[in-house]
Structure formats: structure tokens, C-alpha cells
Amino acid sequence: MLSVAPAVAAGVIAGLIPHLHPPGDRVRAHIEHLAAGVLLAVIAFSVSYEIRQLDHLAAAVGGLAAGAAFMVAMKTVLRRFQSPRKDRSPVGFVAAAGIDTFIDGVLIGAAFAVRPELAMLVLVGLGIELFVLNMSVASELLALRMKRWTVMALTTLTALALAVGAAVGAHGLSDAPPAAQTAALAFALAALLYLVAEELLLRGNDEENSPTTTTAFFVGFIALAGYIMVVGG
């Protein structure tokens, strides 16, 4: 799974940025909107197309329902750990970030098992999302005056969770029948939609959203959509 290495490296670098210059909320909002546009283009022009090509309606519907239910349930549990500042305990916060990243990796691995070209497109969007996540993790932990080397170790482990998840997803579906692959892709589609709607677009508040963040969203969407339509994905 060497293809995941650039995204993991980006996550490691993102964990180092707050040590030098903590990014503001507006910067994160722009990156989040860019990632949302990229992922929505992948969903609209590539993942959904691949599901239709596999042509297993029941598996697709089941995967969508399972993916939606799983993401809502998982995020409901993990939301209580969005910030460690209230109880000054980072354990749940870091675990939630690691689980989130591991699930993203499984989605990438599932896409690799079906079609590597599709996985590379998903990887771009989730790599940007990991970049934003690790900047937030490092910023929160540094605000608790945690030792810098400890913060760097934790953000590195969070980034590596993406590679572990990708390996698990790819191995689990490499020899799976088309119906299982359809269900897995539909599950991934629901999870990506949740990520776009609830994590990337709505994470910033109204003060952080502006015409420029909306522009960032369309830049990401048009760039990936154009690439897919011209090159194929």
C-alpha cells in the first residue's frame, strides 16, 4: 500500500505545523471546503459510477443503509471527544481521531480492492481531510501544554492509522465477489457523504464561512470533476 504513503506523510507534516505557526480557524475552513469539493466530485463522478457498473442493486442499497447507520452511530459516540480541553484528558480525543482516520483508511483500501484508479481519487480527498484533522489534533494537544515530542508521536500514529486501515480494507476485499464489492463501495459512498456534509462543510461556524470558502469548495469540485471527465476515473 505504498500509494497511501504521500497522504500519511501529509498527515505527519500537518501535525508539525502547529508547533511552528498554529493555523487559524479561517485557514482550516478553507482547507475543509477544498477537501469537501474534492470528495463530492469523487462521489458524483467516480464512486457512484463504479457502483452502477457492478450492477448489484440490493447490495448497493444495503451498503448505503449500513454506511449511513454506522457513520451516524460512530460519530454520535465520538462527538463527545471532539475537544480535550473541558476535562483536560486527551485520551478519548486522540482515540477518536485515530478511529476516524482508520475508518478513512478502510474506505481507501476498499476502493483499491475494486479499482486502483478509483482509490487514488478517494485518497486525494481523504488525504486533505487527514491534513486538517492532524493540524487540529496537534493544536488541541499543544493547548494543554503537552510535551512537543508526545504531540508529534501521537499525530504520527494518527497518520499511520490511515495506512493500517487501507491495508485492512484492501486485504478484506481483494478476492471478494462483485456483490460484496458493491456493498463495500456503497458503504464508502455513504461514509464519504457524511464526511462532506457533517465533518467538512459544517465543522466551521458562520463566521469562518465566506465567499472565499465557498470558492475553495468549487475549486476542489471543478478541478477533480474536470480531471475525471478528461482523464477518466
C-alpha atoms as a PDB file:
ATOM      1  CA  MET A   1       0.000   0.000   0.000  1.00  0.00           C
ATOM      2  CA  LEU A   2       2.804   2.408  -0.894  1.00  0.00           C
ATOM      3  CA  SER A   3       0.262   4.606  -2.678  1.00  0.00           C
ATOM      4  CA  VAL A   4      -1.010   5.720   0.731  1.00  0.00           C
ATOM      5  CA  ALA A   5       2.440   6.983   1.764  1.00  0.00           C
ATOM      6  CA  PRO A   6       2.023  10.578   0.441  1.00  0.00           C
ATOM      7  CA  ALA A   7      -1.225  11.024   2.395  1.00  0.00           C
ATOM      8  CA  VAL A   8       0.391   9.611   5.545  1.00  0.00           C
ATOM      9  CA  ALA A   9       3.367  11.933   5.057  1.00  0.00           C
ATOM     10  CA  ALA A  10       0.991  14.889   4.646  1.00  0.00           C
ATOM     11  CA  GLY A  11      -0.690  13.925   7.912  1.00  0.00           C
ATOM     12  CA  VAL A  12       2.664  13.783   9.711  1.00  0.00           C
ATOM     13  CA  ILE A  13       3.638  17.201   8.334  1.00  0.00           C
ATOM     14  CA  ALA A  14       0.262  18.633   9.359  1.00  0.00           C
ATOM     15  CA  GLY A  15       0.957  17.524  12.918  1.00  0.00           C
ATOM     16  CA  LEU A  16       4.156  19.557  12.904  1.00  0.00           C
ATOM     17  CA  ILE A  17       2.664  22.808  11.599  1.00  0.00           C
ATOM     18  CA  PRO A  18       1.053  23.960  14.898  1.00  0.00           C
ATOM     19  CA  HIS A  19       4.467  23.655  16.573  1.00  0.00           C
ATOM     20  CA  LEU A  20       5.708  26.420  14.270  1.00  0.00           C
ATOM     21  CA  HIS A  21       2.647  28.531  13.486  1.00  0.00           C
ATOM     22  CA  PRO A  22      -0.812  27.394  14.642  1.00  0.00           C
ATOM     23  CA  PRO A  23      -3.285  27.780  11.754  1.00  0.00           C
ATOM     24  CA  GLY A  24      -6.309  29.973  12.279  1.00  0.00           C
ATOM     25  CA  ASP A  25      -9.896  28.794  12.025  1.00  0.00           C
ATOM     26  CA  ARG A  26     -10.341  30.538   8.677  1.00  0.00           C
ATOM     27  CA  VAL A  27      -7.385  28.692   7.182  1.00  0.00           C
ATOM     28  CA  ARG A  28      -8.780  25.372   8.343  1.00  0.00           C
ATOM     29  CA  ALA A  29     -12.227  26.289   6.997  1.00  0.00           C
ATOM     30  CA  HIS A  30     -10.776  26.936   3.525  1.00  0.00           C
ATOM     31  CA  ILE A  31      -8.905  23.617   3.507  1.00  0.00           C
ATOM     32  CA  GLU A  32     -12.008  21.788   4.738  1.00  0.00           C
ATOM     33  CA  HIS A  33     -14.137  23.282   1.954  1.00  0.00           C
ATOM     34  CA  LEU A  34     -11.491  22.368  -0.617  1.00  0.00           C
ATOM     35  CA  ALA A  35     -11.470  18.767   0.620  1.00  0.00           C
ATOM     36  CA  ALA A  36     -15.287  18.687   0.576  1.00  0.00           C
ATOM     37  CA  GLY A  37     -15.333  19.766  -3.069  1.00  0.00           C
ATOM     38  CA  VAL A  38     -12.774  17.118  -3.992  1.00  0.00           C
ATOM     39  CA  LEU A  39     -14.671  14.340  -2.213  1.00  0.00           C
ATOM     40  CA  LEU A  40     -18.031  15.375  -3.661  1.00  0.00           C
ATOM     41  CA  ALA A  41     -16.574  15.236  -7.174  1.00  0.00           C
ATOM     42  CA  VAL A  42     -15.203  11.754  -6.479  1.00  0.00           C
ATOM     43  CA  ILE A  43     -18.611  10.645  -5.177  1.00  0.00           C
ATOM     44  CA  ALA A  44     -20.573  12.150  -8.064  1.00  0.00           C
ATOM     45  CA  PHE A  45     -18.344  11.187 -10.970  1.00  0.00           C
ATOM     46  CA  SER A  46     -16.455   8.074  -9.873  1.00  0.00           C
ATOM     47  CA  VAL A  47     -17.720   6.087  -6.863  1.00  0.00           C
ATOM     48  CA  SER A  48     -21.379   6.205  -7.899  1.00  0.00           C
ATOM     49  CA  TYR A  49     -20.420   5.274 -11.483  1.00  0.00           C
ATOM     50  CA  GLU A  50     -18.419   2.277 -10.260  1.00  0.00           C
ATOM     51  CA  ILE A  51     -21.374   1.079  -8.167  1.00  0.00           C
ATOM     52  CA  ARG A  52     -23.669   1.275 -11.192  1.00  0.00           C
ATOM     53  CA  GLN A  53     -21.163  -0.683 -13.285  1.00  0.00           C
ATOM     54  CA  LEU A  54     -21.076  -3.522 -10.747  1.00  0.00           C
ATOM     55  CA  ASP A  55     -24.894  -3.673 -11.025  1.00  0.00           C
ATOM     56  CA  HIS A  56     -25.983  -5.245  -7.725  1.00  0.00           C
ATOM     57  CA  LEU A  57     -28.938  -3.176  -6.586  1.00  0.00           C
ATOM     58  CA  ALA A  58     -29.701  -4.996  -3.343  1.00  0.00           C
ATOM     59  CA  ALA A  59     -26.060  -4.920  -2.258  1.00  0.00           C
ATOM     60  CA  ALA A  60     -25.840  -1.213  -3.111  1.00  0.00           C
ATOM     61  CA  VAL A  61     -28.950  -0.321  -1.098  1.00  0.00           C
ATOM     62  CA  GLY A  62     -27.801  -2.440   1.834  1.00  0.00           C
ATOM     63  CA  GLY A  63     -24.333  -0.891   1.764  1.00  0.00           C
ATOM     64  CA  LEU A  64     -25.726   2.642   1.671  1.00  0.00           C
ATOM     65  CA  ALA A  65     -28.042   1.971   4.607  1.00  0.00           C
ATOM     66  CA  ALA A  66     -25.311   0.257   6.616  1.00  0.00           C
ATOM     67  CA  GLY A  67     -22.820   3.029   5.878  1.00  0.00           C
ATOM     68  CA  ALA A  68     -25.228   5.778   6.899  1.00  0.00           C
ATOM     69  CA  ALA A  69     -26.233   3.989  10.107  1.00  0.00           C
ATOM     70  CA  PHE A  70     -22.647   3.210  11.026  1.00  0.00           C
ATOM     71  CA  MET A  71     -21.387   6.763  10.482  1.00  0.00           C
ATOM     72  CA  VAL A  72     -24.225   8.337  12.454  1.00  0.00           C
ATOM     73  CA  ALA A  73     -23.716   5.881  15.336  1.00  0.00           C
ATOM     74  CA  MET A  74     -19.922   6.198  15.327  1.00  0.00           C
ATOM     75  CA  LYS A  75     -19.940   9.994  15.176  1.00  0.00           C
ATOM     76  CA  THR A  76     -22.549  10.176  17.921  1.00  0.00           C
ATOM     77  CA  VAL A  77     -20.211   8.249  20.205  1.00  0.00           C
ATOM     78  CA  LEU A  78     -17.018  10.062  19.138  1.00  0.00           C
ATOM     79  CA  ARG A  79     -18.511  13.560  19.217  1.00  0.00           C
ATOM     80  CA  ARG A  80     -18.144  13.695  23.000  1.00  0.00           C
ATOM     81  CA  PHE A  81     -14.369  13.609  22.443  1.00  0.00           C
ATOM     82  CA  GLN A  82     -14.179  16.481  19.938  1.00  0.00           C
ATOM     83  CA  SER A  83     -12.041  18.565  22.292  1.00  0.00           C
ATOM     84  CA  PRO A  84      -9.934  17.512  25.290  1.00  0.00           C
ATOM     85  CA  ARG A  85      -9.913  20.982  26.851  1.00  0.00           C
ATOM     86  CA  LYS A  86     -13.034  20.587  29.007  1.00  0.00           C
ATOM     87  CA  ASP A  87     -11.799  17.659  31.086  1.00  0.00           C
ATOM     88  CA  ARG A  88      -8.107  18.131  30.170  1.00  0.00           C
ATOM     89  CA  SER A  89      -7.905  14.448  29.228  1.00  0.00           C
ATOM     90  CA  PRO A  90      -6.621  13.869  25.688  1.00  0.00           C
ATOM     91  CA  VAL A  91      -7.053  10.072  25.693  1.00  0.00           C
ATOM     92  CA  GLY A  92     -10.556   9.958  24.220  1.00  0.00           C
ATOM     93  CA  PHE A  93      -9.818  12.817  21.837  1.00  0.00           C
ATOM     94  CA  VAL A  94      -6.737  11.125  20.375  1.00  0.00           C
ATOM     95  CA  ALA A  95      -8.511   7.748  20.219  1.00  0.00           C
ATOM     96  CA  ALA A  96     -11.413   9.333  18.346  1.00  0.00           C
ATOM     97  CA  ALA A  97      -9.031  10.898  15.813  1.00  0.00           C
ATOM     98  CA  GLY A  98      -7.266   7.561  15.342  1.00  0.00           C
ATOM     99  CA  ILE A  99     -10.522   5.654  14.841  1.00  0.00           C
ATOM    100  CA  ASP A 100     -11.753   8.295  12.403  1.00  0.00           C
ATOM    101  CA  THR A 101      -8.553   8.025  10.380  1.00  0.00           C
ATOM    102  CA  PHE A 102      -8.579   4.211  10.473  1.00  0.00           C
ATOM    103  CA  ILE A 103     -12.120   4.189   9.018  1.00  0.00           C
ATOM    104  CA  ASP A 104     -10.965   6.554   6.259  1.00  0.00           C
ATOM    105  CA  GLY A 105      -8.149   4.133   5.512  1.00  0.00           C
ATOM    106  CA  VAL A 106     -10.548   1.191   5.287  1.00  0.00           C
ATOM    107  CA  LEU A 107     -12.578   3.143   2.717  1.00  0.00           C
ATOM    108  CA  ILE A 108      -9.425   3.753   0.681  1.00  0.00           C
ATOM    109  CA  GLY A 109      -8.473   0.085   0.910  1.00  0.00           C
ATOM    110  CA  ALA A 110     -11.944  -0.972  -0.228  1.00  0.00           C
ATOM    111  CA  ALA A 111     -11.589   1.293  -3.245  1.00  0.00           C
ATOM    112  CA  PHE A 112      -8.147  -0.170  -4.009  1.00  0.00           C
ATOM    113  CA  ALA A 113      -9.645  -3.679  -3.954  1.00  0.00           C
ATOM    114  CA  VAL A 114     -12.216  -2.681  -6.575  1.00  0.00           C
ATOM    115  CA  ARG A 115     -10.189  -0.363  -8.807  1.00  0.00           C
ATOM    116  CA  PRO A 116      -6.856   1.366  -8.030  1.00  0.00           C
ATOM    117  CA  GLU A 117      -7.727   4.406 -10.162  1.00  0.00           C
ATOM    118  CA  LEU A 118     -10.814   4.983  -8.031  1.00  0.00           C
ATOM    119  CA  ALA A 119      -8.787   4.603  -4.833  1.00  0.00           C
ATOM    120  CA  MET A 120      -6.324   7.294  -5.889  1.00  0.00           C
ATOM    121  CA  LEU A 121      -9.169   9.787  -6.286  1.00  0.00           C
ATOM    122  CA  VAL A 122     -10.616   8.905  -2.882  1.00  0.00           C
ATOM    123  CA  LEU A 123      -7.119   9.133  -1.422  1.00  0.00           C
ATOM    124  CA  VAL A 124      -6.714  12.735  -2.568  1.00  0.00           C
ATOM    125  CA  GLY A 125      -9.818  13.921  -0.715  1.00  0.00           C
ATOM    126  CA  LEU A 126      -9.225  11.889   2.435  1.00  0.00           C
ATOM    127  CA  GLY A 127      -5.562  12.911   2.443  1.00  0.00           C
ATOM    128  CA  ILE A 128      -6.610  16.553   2.620  1.00  0.00           C
ATOM    129  CA  GLU A 129      -9.091  15.674   5.382  1.00  0.00           C
ATOM    130  CA  LEU A 130      -6.305  13.956   7.356  1.00  0.00           C
ATOM    131  CA  PHE A 131      -4.148  17.067   6.923  1.00  0.00           C
ATOM    132  CA  VAL A 132      -6.850  19.222   8.528  1.00  0.00           C
ATOM    133  CA  LEU A 133      -7.560  16.667  11.263  1.00  0.00           C
ATOM    134  CA  ASN A 134      -3.934  16.339  12.370  1.00  0.00           C
ATOM    135  CA  MET A 135      -3.477  20.114  12.480  1.00  0.00           C
ATOM    136  CA  SER A 136      -6.490  20.271  14.793  1.00  0.00           C
ATOM    137  CA  VAL A 137      -5.225  17.392  16.957  1.00  0.00           C
ATOM    138  CA  ALA A 138      -1.794  18.975  17.378  1.00  0.00           C
ATOM    139  CA  SER A 139      -3.299  22.396  18.134  1.00  0.00           C
ATOM    140  CA  GLU A 140      -5.614  20.954  20.813  1.00  0.00           C
ATOM    141  CA  LEU A 141      -2.852  18.936  22.479  1.00  0.00           C
ATOM    142  CA  LEU A 142      -0.396  21.830  22.481  1.00  0.00           C
ATOM    143  CA  ALA A 143      -3.082  23.990  24.100  1.00  0.00           C
ATOM    144  CA  LEU A 144      -2.994  21.512  27.007  1.00  0.00           C
ATOM    145  CA  ARG A 145       0.761  22.170  27.300  1.00  0.00           C
ATOM    146  CA  MET A 146       1.572  18.590  26.386  1.00  0.00           C
ATOM    147  CA  LYS A 147       5.212  17.885  25.601  1.00  0.00           C
ATOM    148  CA  ARG A 148       6.042  18.554  21.965  1.00  0.00           C
ATOM    149  CA  TRP A 149       7.615  15.158  21.315  1.00  0.00           C
ATOM    150  CA  THR A 150       4.498  13.469  22.722  1.00  0.00           C
ATOM    151  CA  VAL A 151       2.258  15.516  20.431  1.00  0.00           C
ATOM    152  CA  MET A 152       4.439  14.652  17.428  1.00  0.00           C
ATOM    153  CA  ALA A 153       4.310  10.950  18.328  1.00  0.00           C
ATOM    154  CA  LEU A 154       0.513  10.966  18.690  1.00  0.00           C
ATOM    155  CA  THR A 155      -0.123  12.818  15.418  1.00  0.00           C
ATOM    156  CA  THR A 156       2.278  10.461  13.624  1.00  0.00           C
ATOM    157  CA  LEU A 157       0.390   7.447  14.984  1.00  0.00           C
ATOM    158  CA  THR A 158      -2.881   9.050  13.863  1.00  0.00           C
ATOM    159  CA  ALA A 159      -1.496   9.439  10.334  1.00  0.00           C
ATOM    160  CA  LEU A 160      -0.252   5.842  10.310  1.00  0.00           C
ATOM    161  CA  ALA A 161      -3.775   4.674  11.166  1.00  0.00           C
ATOM    162  CA  LEU A 162      -4.689   5.612   7.592  1.00  0.00           C
ATOM    163  CA  ALA A 163      -2.174   3.106   6.193  1.00  0.00           C
ATOM    164  CA  VAL A 164      -3.297   0.378   8.603  1.00  0.00           C
ATOM    165  CA  GLY A 165      -6.927   0.902   7.654  1.00  0.00           C
ATOM    166  CA  ALA A 166      -6.101   0.873   3.945  1.00  0.00           C
ATOM    167  CA  ALA A 167      -4.254  -2.441   4.310  1.00  0.00           C
ATOM    168  CA  VAL A 168      -7.188  -3.967   6.199  1.00  0.00           C
ATOM    169  CA  GLY A 169      -9.724  -2.752   3.645  1.00  0.00           C
ATOM    170  CA  ALA A 170      -7.717  -3.877   0.633  1.00  0.00           C
ATOM    171  CA  HIS A 171      -6.940  -7.305   2.099  1.00  0.00           C
ATOM    172  CA  GLY A 172     -10.507  -7.928   3.181  1.00  0.00           C
ATOM    173  CA  LEU A 173     -11.998  -7.232  -0.253  1.00  0.00           C
ATOM    174  CA  SER A 174      -9.233  -8.253  -2.650  1.00  0.00           C
ATOM    175  CA  ASP A 175     -10.910 -11.559  -3.570  1.00  0.00           C
ATOM    176  CA  ALA A 176     -14.465 -10.649  -2.647  1.00  0.00           C
ATOM    177  CA  PRO A 177     -17.365 -11.319  -5.080  1.00  0.00           C
ATOM    178  CA  PRO A 178     -18.868  -8.375  -7.017  1.00  0.00           C
ATOM    179  CA  ALA A 179     -21.860  -8.153  -4.675  1.00  0.00           C
ATOM    180  CA  ALA A 180     -19.578  -7.712  -1.651  1.00  0.00           C
ATOM    181  CA  GLN A 181     -17.507  -5.113  -3.503  1.00  0.00           C
ATOM    182  CA  THR A 182     -20.694  -3.257  -4.426  1.00  0.00           C
ATOM    183  CA  ALA A 183     -21.821  -3.227  -0.798  1.00  0.00           C
ATOM    184  CA  ALA A 184     -18.398  -2.012   0.326  1.00  0.00           C
ATOM    185  CA  LEU A 185     -18.341   0.819  -2.215  1.00  0.00           C
ATOM    186  CA  ALA A 186     -21.900   1.827  -1.287  1.00  0.00           C
ATOM    187  CA  PHE A 187     -20.875   1.822   2.373  1.00  0.00           C
ATOM    188  CA  ALA A 188     -17.910   4.025   1.445  1.00  0.00           C
ATOM    189  CA  LEU A 189     -20.153   6.357  -0.552  1.00  0.00           C
ATOM    190  CA  ALA A 190     -22.439   6.882   2.452  1.00  0.00           C
ATOM    191  CA  ALA A 191     -19.456   7.447   4.724  1.00  0.00           C
ATOM    192  CA  LEU A 192     -17.934   9.976   2.321  1.00  0.00           C
ATOM    193  CA  LEU A 193     -21.238  11.828   2.031  1.00  0.00           C
ATOM    194  CA  TYR A 194     -21.409  12.038   5.811  1.00  0.00           C
ATOM    195  CA  LEU A 195     -17.832  13.302   5.916  1.00  0.00           C
ATOM    196  CA  VAL A 196     -18.596  16.018   3.360  1.00  0.00           C
ATOM    197  CA  ALA A 197     -21.881  17.128   4.935  1.00  0.00           C
ATOM    198  CA  GLU A 198     -21.191  16.843   8.661  1.00  0.00           C
ATOM    199  CA  GLU A 199     -17.431  16.997   9.109  1.00  0.00           C
ATOM    200  CA  LEU A 200     -16.027  19.270   6.408  1.00  0.00           C
ATOM    201  CA  LEU A 201     -18.764  21.736   5.420  1.00  0.00           C
ATOM    202  CA  LEU A 202     -20.428  22.174   8.818  1.00  0.00           C
ATOM    203  CA  ARG A 203     -17.406  21.967  11.122  1.00  0.00           C
ATOM    204  CA  GLY A 204     -16.689  25.692  10.726  1.00  0.00           C
ATOM    205  CA  ASN A 205     -19.103  28.224  12.153  1.00  0.00           C
ATOM    206  CA  ASP A 206     -20.817  31.013  10.226  1.00  0.00           C
ATOM    207  CA  GLU A 207     -18.049  33.489  10.971  1.00  0.00           C
ATOM    208  CA  GLU A 208     -15.488  31.252   9.274  1.00  0.00           C
ATOM    209  CA  ASN A 209     -17.613  30.591   6.185  1.00  0.00           C
ATOM    210  CA  SER A 210     -17.438  33.232   3.483  1.00  0.00           C
ATOM    211  CA  PRO A 211     -17.487  33.633  -0.307  1.00  0.00           C
ATOM    212  CA  THR A 212     -13.841  32.573  -0.368  1.00  0.00           C
ATOM    213  CA  THR A 213     -14.526  29.293   1.479  1.00  0.00           C
ATOM    214  CA  THR A 214     -17.356  28.616  -0.981  1.00  0.00           C
ATOM    215  CA  THR A 215     -14.925  29.353  -3.796  1.00  0.00           C
ATOM    216  CA  ALA A 216     -12.461  26.857  -2.295  1.00  0.00           C
ATOM    217  CA  PHE A 217     -15.223  24.229  -2.360  1.00  0.00           C
ATOM    218  CA  PHE A 218     -15.927  24.798  -6.060  1.00  0.00           C
ATOM    219  CA  VAL A 219     -12.227  24.895  -6.911  1.00  0.00           C
ATOM    220  CA  GLY A 220     -11.825  21.429  -5.428  1.00  0.00           C
ATOM    221  CA  PHE A 221     -15.007  20.128  -7.051  1.00  0.00           C
ATOM    222  CA  ILE A 222     -14.350  21.525 -10.544  1.00  0.00           C
ATOM    223  CA  ALA A 223     -10.683  20.505 -10.541  1.00  0.00           C
ATOM    224  CA  LEU A 224     -11.416  16.861  -9.683  1.00  0.00           C
ATOM    225  CA  ALA A 225     -14.558  16.662 -11.811  1.00  0.00           C
ATOM    226  CA  GLY A 226     -12.651  18.050 -14.775  1.00  0.00           C
ATOM    227  CA  TYR A 227      -9.808  15.607 -14.242  1.00  0.00           C
ATOM    228  CA  ILE A 228     -12.182  12.638 -14.036  1.00  0.00           C
ATOM    229  CA  MET A 229     -14.088  13.652 -17.177  1.00  0.00           C
ATOM    230  CA  VAL A 230     -10.940  14.303 -19.204  1.00  0.00           C
ATOM    231  CA  VAL A 231      -8.640  11.534 -17.984  1.00  0.00           C
ATOM    232  CA  GLY A 232     -11.212   9.080 -16.607  1.00  0.00           C
ATOM    233  CA  GLY A 233     -11.506   7.788 -13.076  1.00  0.00           C
END
